[in-house]
């Protein structure tokens, strides 16, 4: 099997992920929605999960929204959102600012179940936080749920630093887009 030199592999992965990315300009919104990421086998946050929490907390600390929502149930192991919210508290986010949605198992369910929580609070504008490869679909799903949604990822995302992980995420995301268009509830 042909192996690319590390620099070319990194560039190929970055190029493959570029159509999935969106970069919205910072603006004040009603809530920040951090999409779930599977926990590690030991129950701790994965690299992707930690990055999402840190980016959501950074936006909250900047005052871009009064609410910080973590969405993610037990897709692979334990529920993701409670672990993510606990880390946000460690990062100085006020517990009163946190909402946890821990029933969803997919990105489509993240949007659907989070939308129900946020509508009760009169939320209309949200930031969606995830890795760059995940933002276009996450933003689209929250827009379909009736929100004005903007997307944000860490500029130095693990997606760019770890192409050995990112190529799997990106390939899976292209499959998820296909399912999104072919299946009504995905």
C-alpha atoms as a PDB file:
ATOM      1  CA  UNK A   1       0.000   0.000   0.000  1.00  0.00           C
ATOM      2  CA  UNK A   2       1.284   3.453  -0.926  1.00  0.00           C
ATOM      3  CA  UNK A   3       1.974   5.687   2.065  1.00  0.00           C
ATOM      4  CA  UNK A   4       2.117   9.443   1.740  1.00  0.00           C
ATOM      5  CA  UNK A   5       4.901  11.384   3.441  1.00  0.00           C
ATOM      6  CA  UNK A   6       3.558  12.999   6.661  1.00  0.00           C
ATOM      7  CA  UNK A   7       3.418  16.511   5.165  1.00  0.00           C
ATOM      8  CA  UNK A   8       1.427  15.340   2.139  1.00  0.00           C
ATOM      9  CA  UNK A   9      -0.879  13.220   4.301  1.00  0.00           C
ATOM     10  CA  UNK A  10      -1.576  16.235   6.552  1.00  0.00           C
ATOM     11  CA  UNK A  11      -2.302  18.401   3.492  1.00  0.00           C
ATOM     12  CA  UNK A  12      -4.529  15.744   1.899  1.00  0.00           C
ATOM     13  CA  UNK A  13      -6.584  15.392   5.079  1.00  0.00           C
ATOM     14  CA  UNK A  14      -6.912  19.170   5.398  1.00  0.00           C
ATOM     15  CA  UNK A  15      -8.000  19.469   1.771  1.00  0.00           C
ATOM     16  CA  UNK A  16     -10.540  16.650   2.134  1.00  0.00           C
ATOM     17  CA  UNK A  17     -12.076  18.354   5.174  1.00  0.00           C
ATOM     18  CA  UNK A  18     -12.280  21.856   3.727  1.00  0.00           C
ATOM     19  CA  UNK A  19     -15.738  21.482   2.048  1.00  0.00           C
ATOM     20  CA  UNK A  20     -17.191  20.473   5.430  1.00  0.00           C
ATOM     21  CA  UNK A  21     -15.951  23.588   7.214  1.00  0.00           C
ATOM     22  CA  UNK A  22     -17.711  26.886   7.869  1.00  0.00           C
ATOM     23  CA  UNK A  23     -16.252  29.933   9.576  1.00  0.00           C
ATOM     24  CA  UNK A  24     -18.778  32.470  10.851  1.00  0.00           C
ATOM     25  CA  UNK A  25     -17.815  35.848  12.282  1.00  0.00           C
ATOM     26  CA  UNK A  26     -18.154  36.311  16.049  1.00  0.00           C
ATOM     27  CA  UNK A  27     -21.477  37.753  17.163  1.00  0.00           C
ATOM     28  CA  UNK A  28     -23.588  37.778  20.304  1.00  0.00           C
ATOM     29  CA  UNK A  29     -26.236  35.044  20.420  1.00  0.00           C
ATOM     30  CA  UNK A  30     -28.700  33.627  22.952  1.00  0.00           C
ATOM     31  CA  UNK A  31     -26.901  30.315  23.565  1.00  0.00           C
ATOM     32  CA  UNK A  32     -23.797  28.329  22.689  1.00  0.00           C
ATOM     33  CA  UNK A  33     -24.502  24.711  21.709  1.00  0.00           C
ATOM     34  CA  UNK A  34     -21.586  22.310  22.053  1.00  0.00           C
ATOM     35  CA  UNK A  35     -22.199  19.090  20.138  1.00  0.00           C
ATOM     36  CA  UNK A  36     -21.339  15.834  21.861  1.00  0.00           C
ATOM     37  CA  UNK A  37     -18.252  13.744  21.247  1.00  0.00           C
ATOM     38  CA  UNK A  38     -17.877  10.123  22.392  1.00  0.00           C
ATOM     39  CA  UNK A  39     -16.080   9.637  25.690  1.00  0.00           C
ATOM     40  CA  UNK A  40     -12.983   7.499  25.956  1.00  0.00           C
ATOM     41  CA  UNK A  41     -13.402   3.957  27.235  1.00  0.00           C
ATOM     42  CA  UNK A  42     -12.335   5.119  30.703  1.00  0.00           C
ATOM     43  CA  UNK A  43     -15.207   7.645  30.788  1.00  0.00           C
ATOM     44  CA  UNK A  44     -13.016  10.716  30.313  1.00  0.00           C
ATOM     45  CA  UNK A  45     -13.391  13.273  27.547  1.00  0.00           C
ATOM     46  CA  UNK A  46     -11.690  12.468  24.255  1.00  0.00           C
ATOM     47  CA  UNK A  47      -9.393  14.981  22.555  1.00  0.00           C
ATOM     48  CA  UNK A  48     -12.345  16.119  20.431  1.00  0.00           C
ATOM     49  CA  UNK A  49     -14.629  16.403  23.458  1.00  0.00           C
ATOM     50  CA  UNK A  50     -12.112  18.428  25.463  1.00  0.00           C
ATOM     51  CA  UNK A  51     -11.529  20.756  22.539  1.00  0.00           C
ATOM     52  CA  UNK A  52     -15.272  21.352  22.093  1.00  0.00           C
ATOM     53  CA  UNK A  53     -15.740  22.116  25.794  1.00  0.00           C
ATOM     54  CA  UNK A  54     -12.775  24.481  25.858  1.00  0.00           C
ATOM     55  CA  UNK A  55     -14.006  26.363  22.772  1.00  0.00           C
ATOM     56  CA  UNK A  56     -17.547  26.624  24.157  1.00  0.00           C
ATOM     57  CA  UNK A  57     -16.214  27.882  27.498  1.00  0.00           C
ATOM     58  CA  UNK A  58     -13.974  30.387  25.701  1.00  0.00           C
ATOM     59  CA  UNK A  59     -16.948  31.817  23.807  1.00  0.00           C
ATOM     60  CA  UNK A  60     -19.002  31.955  27.013  1.00  0.00           C
ATOM     61  CA  UNK A  61     -16.183  33.761  28.858  1.00  0.00           C
ATOM     62  CA  UNK A  62     -16.054  36.258  25.981  1.00  0.00           C
ATOM     63  CA  UNK A  63     -19.679  37.072  26.777  1.00  0.00           C
ATOM     64  CA  UNK A  64     -21.062  35.933  23.426  1.00  0.00           C
ATOM     65  CA  UNK A  65     -24.013  34.139  25.097  1.00  0.00           C
ATOM     66  CA  UNK A  66     -25.493  33.740  28.570  1.00  0.00           C
ATOM     67  CA  UNK A  67     -26.196  30.001  28.132  1.00  0.00           C
ATOM     68  CA  UNK A  68     -23.807  27.164  27.375  1.00  0.00           C
ATOM     69  CA  UNK A  69     -25.530  23.956  26.282  1.00  0.00           C
ATOM     70  CA  UNK A  70     -23.877  20.535  26.103  1.00  0.00           C
ATOM     71  CA  UNK A  71     -25.677  17.996  23.951  1.00  0.00           C
ATOM     72  CA  UNK A  72     -24.849  14.309  23.859  1.00  0.00           C
ATOM     73  CA  UNK A  73     -26.186  11.119  25.333  1.00  0.00           C
ATOM     74  CA  UNK A  74     -24.710   7.670  25.563  1.00  0.00           C
ATOM     75  CA  UNK A  75     -23.918   7.124  21.892  1.00  0.00           C
ATOM     76  CA  UNK A  76     -21.042   4.724  22.606  1.00  0.00           C
ATOM     77  CA  UNK A  77     -20.568   4.575  26.380  1.00  0.00           C
ATOM     78  CA  UNK A  78     -21.722   6.929  29.152  1.00  0.00           C
ATOM     79  CA  UNK A  79     -23.598  10.153  28.394  1.00  0.00           C
ATOM     80  CA  UNK A  80     -21.239  12.769  26.997  1.00  0.00           C
ATOM     81  CA  UNK A  81     -22.992  16.003  27.982  1.00  0.00           C
ATOM     82  CA  UNK A  82     -22.696  15.652  31.787  1.00  0.00           C
ATOM     83  CA  UNK A  83     -18.948  14.988  31.502  1.00  0.00           C
ATOM     84  CA  UNK A  84     -18.591  17.974  29.183  1.00  0.00           C
ATOM     85  CA  UNK A  85     -20.560  20.246  31.538  1.00  0.00           C
ATOM     86  CA  UNK A  86     -18.406  19.136  34.482  1.00  0.00           C
ATOM     87  CA  UNK A  87     -15.276  20.129  32.561  1.00  0.00           C
ATOM     88  CA  UNK A  88     -16.849  23.510  31.697  1.00  0.00           C
ATOM     89  CA  UNK A  89     -17.400  24.153  35.411  1.00  0.00           C
ATOM     90  CA  UNK A  90     -13.708  23.355  36.008  1.00  0.00           C
ATOM     91  CA  UNK A  91     -12.966  26.020  33.378  1.00  0.00           C
ATOM     92  CA  UNK A  92     -14.938  28.597  35.358  1.00  0.00           C
ATOM     93  CA  UNK A  93     -18.330  28.486  33.653  1.00  0.00           C
ATOM     94  CA  UNK A  94     -21.097  29.276  36.124  1.00  0.00           C
ATOM     95  CA  UNK A  95     -23.362  26.262  36.830  1.00  0.00           C
ATOM     96  CA  UNK A  96     -26.375  28.562  36.340  1.00  0.00           C
ATOM     97  CA  UNK A  97     -25.272  29.134  32.737  1.00  0.00           C
ATOM     98  CA  UNK A  98     -25.161  25.421  31.902  1.00  0.00           C
ATOM     99  CA  UNK A  99     -27.825  23.301  30.239  1.00  0.00           C
ATOM    100  CA  UNK A 100     -27.339  19.582  29.634  1.00  0.00           C
ATOM    101  CA  UNK A 101     -29.153  17.505  27.027  1.00  0.00           C
ATOM    102  CA  UNK A 102     -28.173  13.882  27.526  1.00  0.00           C
ATOM    103  CA  UNK A 103     -30.675  11.854  25.497  1.00  0.00           C
ATOM    104  CA  UNK A 104     -29.317  12.362  21.962  1.00  0.00           C
ATOM    105  CA  UNK A 105     -27.211   9.737  20.197  1.00  0.00           C
ATOM    106  CA  UNK A 106     -26.624  11.467  16.845  1.00  0.00           C
ATOM    107  CA  UNK A 107     -25.986  14.982  15.592  1.00  0.00           C
ATOM    108  CA  UNK A 108     -29.571  15.145  14.282  1.00  0.00           C
ATOM    109  CA  UNK A 109     -30.824  14.254  17.753  1.00  0.00           C
ATOM    110  CA  UNK A 110     -28.434  16.810  19.282  1.00  0.00           C
ATOM    111  CA  UNK A 111     -30.238  19.465  17.244  1.00  0.00           C
ATOM    112  CA  UNK A 112     -33.749  18.113  17.843  1.00  0.00           C
ATOM    113  CA  UNK A 113     -33.485  17.628  21.615  1.00  0.00           C
ATOM    114  CA  UNK A 114     -31.477  20.803  22.187  1.00  0.00           C
ATOM    115  CA  UNK A 115     -34.041  22.769  20.182  1.00  0.00           C
ATOM    116  CA  UNK A 116     -36.776  21.626  22.564  1.00  0.00           C
ATOM    117  CA  UNK A 117     -34.747  22.822  25.569  1.00  0.00           C
ATOM    118  CA  UNK A 118     -33.915  26.158  24.001  1.00  0.00           C
ATOM    119  CA  UNK A 119     -37.371  27.007  22.664  1.00  0.00           C
ATOM    120  CA  UNK A 120     -38.660  26.899  26.261  1.00  0.00           C
ATOM    121  CA  UNK A 121     -36.196  29.701  27.028  1.00  0.00           C
ATOM    122  CA  UNK A 122     -37.003  31.850  24.008  1.00  0.00           C
ATOM    123  CA  UNK A 123     -33.639  31.224  22.331  1.00  0.00           C
ATOM    124  CA  UNK A 124     -33.482  32.204  18.658  1.00  0.00           C
ATOM    125  CA  UNK A 125     -29.754  32.615  17.864  1.00  0.00           C
ATOM    126  CA  UNK A 126     -27.070  30.032  18.680  1.00  0.00           C
ATOM    127  CA  UNK A 127     -23.408  29.266  18.185  1.00  0.00           C
ATOM    128  CA  UNK A 128     -22.681  25.657  17.233  1.00  0.00           C
ATOM    129  CA  UNK A 129     -19.328  24.395  18.515  1.00  0.00           C
ATOM    130  CA  UNK A 130     -17.547  21.296  17.230  1.00  0.00           C
ATOM    131  CA  UNK A 131     -14.509  20.383  15.131  1.00  0.00           C
ATOM    132  CA  UNK A 132     -14.332  22.016  11.680  1.00  0.00           C
ATOM    133  CA  UNK A 133     -15.410  18.839   9.826  1.00  0.00           C
ATOM    134  CA  UNK A 134     -18.645  18.688  11.856  1.00  0.00           C
ATOM    135  CA  UNK A 135     -19.754  22.318  11.715  1.00  0.00           C
ATOM    136  CA  UNK A 136     -21.523  22.551   8.374  1.00  0.00           C
ATOM    137  CA  UNK A 137     -23.930  19.709   9.194  1.00  0.00           C
ATOM    138  CA  UNK A 138     -24.357  20.745  12.829  1.00  0.00           C
ATOM    139  CA  UNK A 139     -25.186  24.302  11.788  1.00  0.00           C
ATOM    140  CA  UNK A 140     -27.580  23.080   9.081  1.00  0.00           C
ATOM    141  CA  UNK A 141     -29.444  20.844  11.528  1.00  0.00           C
ATOM    142  CA  UNK A 142     -29.887  23.650  14.054  1.00  0.00           C
ATOM    143  CA  UNK A 143     -31.087  25.956  11.283  1.00  0.00           C
ATOM    144  CA  UNK A 144     -33.583  23.294  10.228  1.00  0.00           C
ATOM    145  CA  UNK A 145     -34.727  23.207  13.870  1.00  0.00           C
ATOM    146  CA  UNK A 146     -35.632  26.894  13.531  1.00  0.00           C
ATOM    147  CA  UNK A 147     -32.612  28.756  14.894  1.00  0.00           C
ATOM    148  CA  UNK A 148     -30.318  31.332  13.423  1.00  0.00           C
ATOM    149  CA  UNK A 149     -27.156  29.287  13.829  1.00  0.00           C
ATOM    150  CA  UNK A 150     -23.523  30.317  13.512  1.00  0.00           C
ATOM    151  CA  UNK A 151     -20.611  27.874  13.645  1.00  0.00           C
ATOM    152  CA  UNK A 152     -17.343  27.977  15.568  1.00  0.00           C
ATOM    153  CA  UNK A 153     -14.371  25.650  15.951  1.00  0.00           C
ATOM    154  CA  UNK A 154     -11.054  26.122  17.682  1.00  0.00           C
ATOM    155  CA  UNK A 155      -8.683  27.723  15.152  1.00  0.00           C
ATOM    156  CA  UNK A 156      -5.937  25.282  16.147  1.00  0.00           C
ATOM    157  CA  UNK A 157      -8.274  22.290  16.134  1.00  0.00           C
ATOM    158  CA  UNK A 158      -7.105  18.770  16.873  1.00  0.00           C
ATOM    159  CA  UNK A 159      -8.471  18.046  13.400  1.00  0.00           C
ATOM    160  CA  UNK A 160      -5.505  19.964  11.965  1.00  0.00           C
ATOM    161  CA  UNK A 161      -2.957  18.712  14.472  1.00  0.00           C
ATOM    162  CA  UNK A 162      -3.872  15.011  14.316  1.00  0.00           C
ATOM    163  CA  UNK A 163      -4.536  13.965  10.708  1.00  0.00           C
ATOM    164  CA  UNK A 164      -4.208  10.339  11.858  1.00  0.00           C
ATOM    165  CA  UNK A 165      -7.530  10.859  13.701  1.00  0.00           C
ATOM    166  CA  UNK A 166      -9.049  13.456  11.387  1.00  0.00           C
ATOM    167  CA  UNK A 167      -9.130  11.350   8.227  1.00  0.00           C
ATOM    168  CA  UNK A 168     -11.538   8.923   9.961  1.00  0.00           C
ATOM    169  CA  UNK A 169     -13.729  11.763  11.236  1.00  0.00           C
ATOM    170  CA  UNK A 170     -13.847  13.366   7.801  1.00  0.00           C
ATOM    171  CA  UNK A 171     -14.651  10.092   6.016  1.00  0.00           C
ATOM    172  CA  UNK A 172     -17.410   9.376   8.533  1.00  0.00           C
ATOM    173  CA  UNK A 173     -18.791  12.894   8.096  1.00  0.00           C
ATOM    174  CA  UNK A 174     -19.158  12.404   4.337  1.00  0.00           C
ATOM    175  CA  UNK A 175     -21.118   9.213   5.074  1.00  0.00           C
ATOM    176  CA  UNK A 176     -23.236  11.155   7.596  1.00  0.00           C
ATOM    177  CA  UNK A 177     -24.005  13.815   4.975  1.00  0.00           C
ATOM    178  CA  UNK A 178     -25.186  11.099   2.616  1.00  0.00           C
ATOM    179  CA  UNK A 179     -27.432   9.674   5.329  1.00  0.00           C
ATOM    180  CA  UNK A 180     -28.660  13.187   6.132  1.00  0.00           C
ATOM    181  CA  UNK A 181     -29.947  13.591   2.582  1.00  0.00           C
ATOM    182  CA  UNK A 182     -31.219  10.033   2.155  1.00  0.00           C
ATOM    183  CA  UNK A 183     -32.854   9.462   5.551  1.00  0.00           C
ATOM    184  CA  UNK A 184     -35.288  11.959   7.031  1.00  0.00           C
ATOM    185  CA  UNK A 185     -34.230  11.499  10.677  1.00  0.00           C
ATOM    186  CA  UNK A 186     -30.452  11.538  10.328  1.00  0.00           C
END
